[in-house]
Protein backbone atom coordinates (compact mmCIF):
# COMPACT_ATOMS: atom_id res chain seq x y z
CA UNK A 1 -8.86 8.87 0.49
CA UNK A 2 -11.51 6.51 -1.27
CA UNK A 3 -11.96 3.02 -1.81
CA UNK A 4 -11.64 1.28 -5.65
CA UNK A 5 -15.07 0.86 -6.63
CA UNK A 6 -16.62 2.39 -3.41
CA UNK A 7 -17.36 -0.48 -1.35
CA UNK A 8 -20.91 -1.85 -1.17
CA UNK A 9 -23.85 -1.98 1.15
CA UNK A 10 -23.78 -4.79 3.64
CA UNK A 11 -26.03 -7.76 3.15
CA UNK A 12 -28.97 -7.22 5.66
CA UNK A 13 -29.39 -9.60 8.84
CA UNK A 14 -26.07 -10.99 8.40
CA UNK A 15 -24.83 -10.70 11.78
CA UNK A 16 -23.86 -12.88 14.60
CA UNK A 17 -24.23 -15.86 12.44
CA UNK A 18 -24.40 -19.18 14.76
CA UNK A 19 -24.31 -16.81 17.46
CA UNK A 20 -20.84 -15.98 17.42
CA UNK A 21 -19.22 -12.48 17.08
CA UNK A 22 -16.67 -12.50 14.35
CA UNK A 23 -13.94 -10.16 14.81
CA UNK A 24 -11.41 -9.21 12.12
CA UNK A 25 -8.03 -7.65 12.56
CA UNK A 26 -5.97 -6.80 9.44
CA UNK A 27 -2.06 -5.54 8.99
CA UNK A 28 1.29 -7.59 9.00
CA UNK A 29 1.88 -8.47 12.19
CA UNK A 30 5.62 -7.53 12.73
CA UNK A 31 4.29 -3.75 11.83
CA UNK A 32 4.65 -1.91 14.87
CA UNK A 33 1.13 -0.70 15.06
CA UNK A 34 -0.28 -3.97 13.98
CA UNK A 35 2.07 -5.47 16.72
CA UNK A 36 0.82 -3.35 19.75
CA UNK A 37 -2.62 -3.59 18.40
CA UNK A 38 -2.52 -7.49 18.65
CA UNK A 39 -0.59 -7.58 21.96
CA UNK A 40 -3.02 -5.27 23.56
CA UNK A 41 -5.86 -7.61 22.24
CA UNK A 42 -4.60 -10.81 23.33
CA UNK A 43 -2.76 -9.52 26.93
CA UNK A 44 -5.15 -6.89 27.84
CA UNK A 45 -8.89 -7.32 26.19
CA UNK A 46 -9.28 -10.89 25.84
CA UNK A 47 -8.63 -11.75 29.41
CA UNK A 48 -10.84 -9.33 30.71
CA UNK A 49 -13.92 -11.15 29.00
CA UNK A 50 -16.27 -13.46 30.83
CA UNK A 51 -15.84 -17.21 29.82
CA UNK A 52 -19.60 -17.29 28.50
CA UNK A 53 -18.67 -13.98 26.10
CA UNK A 54 -15.14 -15.25 24.97
CA UNK A 55 -16.56 -18.64 23.98
CA UNK A 56 -18.81 -16.64 21.58
CA UNK A 57 -16.11 -14.66 19.89
CA UNK A 58 -13.80 -15.64 17.13
CA UNK A 59 -10.85 -13.29 15.66
CA UNK A 60 -9.62 -14.06 12.15
CA UNK A 61 -6.10 -12.07 11.79
CA UNK A 62 -5.20 -11.11 8.25
CA UNK A 63 -1.91 -9.74 7.41
CA UNK A 64 1.65 -11.31 6.36
CA UNK A 65 3.56 -13.67 9.10
CA UNK A 66 7.19 -12.85 9.02
CA UNK A 67 9.73 -15.11 10.78
CA UNK A 68 10.79 -12.65 13.59
CA UNK A 69 10.62 -12.03 17.05
CA UNK A 70 7.20 -9.86 16.86
CA UNK A 71 5.52 -12.63 15.09
CA UNK A 72 6.60 -15.30 17.20
CA UNK A 73 5.49 -13.38 20.21
CA UNK A 74 2.08 -12.76 18.80
CA UNK A 75 1.74 -16.15 17.89
CA UNK A 76 2.79 -17.51 21.06
CA UNK A 77 0.09 -15.41 22.80
CA UNK A 78 -2.90 -16.80 20.61
CA UNK A 79 -1.75 -20.38 21.47
CA UNK A 80 -4.29 -20.09 24.39
CA UNK A 81 -7.24 -18.91 22.15
CA UNK A 82 -8.60 -21.84 20.03
CA UNK A 83 -10.82 -19.22 18.61
CA UNK A 84 -7.98 -16.86 17.16
CA UNK A 85 -7.33 -18.04 13.32
CA UNK A 86 -4.07 -16.65 11.52
CA UNK A 87 -4.86 -16.41 7.70
CA UNK A 88 -1.53 -14.66 6.62
CA UNK A 89 -1.64 -12.63 3.47
CA UNK A 90 -4.69 -12.73 1.37
CA UNK A 91 -5.07 -11.40 -2.00
CA UNK A 92 -8.59 -9.97 -1.60
CA UNK A 93 -9.70 -8.63 1.94
CA UNK A 94 -13.49 -7.79 0.61
CA UNK A 95 -15.01 -11.55 1.68
CA UNK A 96 -13.55 -11.11 4.97
CA UNK A 97 -15.13 -7.51 5.45
CA UNK A 98 -18.18 -9.19 4.23
CA UNK A 99 -18.31 -12.22 6.50
CA UNK A 100 -17.31 -10.48 9.61
CA UNK A 101 -19.23 -8.79 12.42
CA UNK A 102 -16.58 -6.03 13.98
CA UNK A 103 -13.06 -5.13 12.66
CA UNK A 104 -10.95 -4.21 15.79
CA UNK A 105 -8.37 -1.66 15.67
CA UNK A 106 -6.77 -1.56 19.11
CA UNK A 107 -3.80 0.40 18.05
CA UNK A 108 -1.66 2.30 21.17
CA UNK A 109 0.29 3.99 18.28
CA UNK A 110 -0.76 4.60 14.44
CA UNK A 111 0.60 5.94 11.18
CA UNK A 112 -0.75 6.66 7.78
CA UNK A 113 -4.19 7.45 6.14
CA UNK A 114 -6.32 5.09 8.44
CA UNK A 115 -7.02 2.73 5.48
CA UNK A 116 -8.67 0.03 7.65
CA UNK A 117 -11.04 1.88 9.11
CA UNK A 118 -12.24 3.73 5.67
CA UNK A 119 -12.26 0.34 3.98
CA UNK A 120 -14.52 -0.93 6.98
CA UNK A 121 -17.05 1.86 6.53
CA UNK A 122 -17.32 1.59 2.73
CA UNK A 123 -17.90 -2.18 2.99
CA UNK A 124 -20.44 -1.55 5.89
CA UNK A 125 -18.42 -3.13 8.43
CA UNK A 126 -18.64 -1.88 11.95
CA UNK A 127 -15.42 -0.59 13.85
CA UNK A 128 -14.25 -0.75 17.35
CA UNK A 129 -10.70 1.56 17.87
CA UNK A 130 -8.91 3.53 20.02
CA UNK A 131 -9.01 7.14 19.86
CA UNK A 132 -5.35 6.89 18.36
CA UNK A 133 -6.24 4.37 15.76
CA UNK A 134 -8.85 6.52 14.25
CA UNK A 135 -7.34 9.97 14.85
CA UNK A 136 -7.62 12.39 11.94
CA UNK A 137 -10.97 11.03 10.11
CA UNK A 138 -12.44 14.57 9.78
CA UNK A 139 -16.18 14.58 10.73
CA UNK A 140 -16.01 10.98 12.34
CA UNK A 141 -18.36 10.64 15.32
CA UNK A 142 -17.81 8.22 17.97
CA UNK A 143 -20.92 6.14 19.09
CA UNK A 144 -22.45 6.95 15.63
CA UNK A 145 -20.02 6.07 12.81
CA UNK A 146 -17.99 3.56 15.12
CA UNK A 147 -17.29 2.75 18.35
CA UNK A 148 -14.15 3.98 20.49
CA UNK A 149 -12.27 2.49 23.51
CA UNK A 150 -9.14 3.47 25.23
CA UNK A 151 -8.57 0.91 27.66
CA UNK A 152 -9.24 -2.50 27.95
CA UNK A 153 -11.74 -2.71 30.37
CA UNK A 154 -13.78 -0.43 27.56
CA UNK A 155 -12.90 -2.88 24.82
CA UNK A 156 -14.31 -5.88 26.95
CA UNK A 157 -17.49 -3.92 27.68
CA UNK A 158 -17.96 -3.04 24.09
CA UNK A 159 -17.53 -6.64 22.73
CA UNK A 160 -19.78 -8.15 25.69
CA UNK A 161 -22.48 -6.07 24.57
CA UNK A 162 -21.95 -6.58 20.90
CA UNK A 163 -22.16 -10.27 21.25
CA UNK A 164 -25.83 -9.88 22.09
CA UNK A 165 -26.60 -6.95 20.11
CA UNK A 166 -27.09 -7.35 16.05
CA UNK A 167 -29.49 -3.99 15.86
CA UNK A 168 -26.29 -2.22 17.06
CA UNK A 169 -23.73 -3.61 14.60
CA UNK A 170 -26.45 -3.25 11.92
CA UNK A 171 -26.71 0.30 12.77
CA UNK A 172 -23.35 1.11 12.75
CA UNK A 173 -22.79 -0.67 9.34
CA UNK A 174 -25.55 1.53 8.19
CA UNK A 175 -24.00 4.71 9.47
CA UNK A 176 -20.31 4.01 8.81
CA UNK A 177 -21.24 3.10 5.16
CA UNK A 178 -23.43 6.57 5.03
CA UNK A 179 -20.25 8.37 6.53
CA UNK A 180 -17.97 6.99 3.66
CA UNK A 181 -20.39 7.70 0.97
CA UNK A 182 -20.69 11.36 2.15
CA UNK A 183 -17.10 11.81 2.83
CA UNK A 184 -14.80 9.45 1.38
CA UNK A 185 -16.45 8.42 -1.96
CA UNK A 186 -14.25 8.80 -5.46
CA UNK A 187 -16.82 11.37 -6.22
CA UNK A 188 -16.48 13.61 -3.37
CA UNK A 189 -12.60 12.94 -3.41
CA UNK A 190 -12.45 13.92 -6.99
CA UNK A 191 -14.82 17.26 -6.64
CA UNK A 192 -12.76 18.36 -3.37
CA UNK A 193 -9.43 17.98 -5.50
CA UNK A 194 -10.70 19.73 -8.23
CA UNK A 195 -11.81 22.59 -5.99
CA UNK A 196 -8.42 22.94 -4.69
CA UNK A 197 -6.84 22.33 -8.17
CA UNK A 198 -8.85 25.45 -9.47
CA UNK A 199 -8.30 27.62 -6.10
CA UNK A 200 -4.71 27.38 -5.76
CA UNK A 201 -3.17 26.37 -9.26
CA UNK A 202 -5.97 27.84 -11.71
CA UNK A 203 -6.49 24.29 -13.03
CA UNK A 204 -10.10 23.51 -14.22
CA UNK A 205 -10.72 19.90 -14.55
């Protein structure tokens, strides 16, 4: 898959403004993978963060907020954290990709095309994901293109390091963007599709 317009390079030196690590979570809250991700984040990861780290973290949650049991539980869990904001459905996620430092994909189960991660790469937004959340992205290398954590302690460790490490965020941003351009851009997808149309159907485009 590719992103319309193929994203854009991240503005340099835009990390940790005001000394705060700005986390982003995208997805309708009641959708089971997003619900599990937020539940894991609020119940397991945030409680493990040292107080001085938590004080330097903010979390913006983008996604429709339904009036159901799952959404109600997430809203209740977040009440103890004044640094968590629910923004609901937004028409354009790009400004949030541009103004955040890290997208969190704490999914313990996942379906679909990994849109959030590919979009993040396209806009140079670093990603911290579970292995499940990033599964199926061919050629992606943990530690180079994104960070991987599979338990709450690993997530907390990564966040605690990134609060003090704009250079890591910048490196992940550049390498994620490069990965997108080399593997997922519209020109690459079009070329790959044309190759398979000719190979298997004899169609020349």
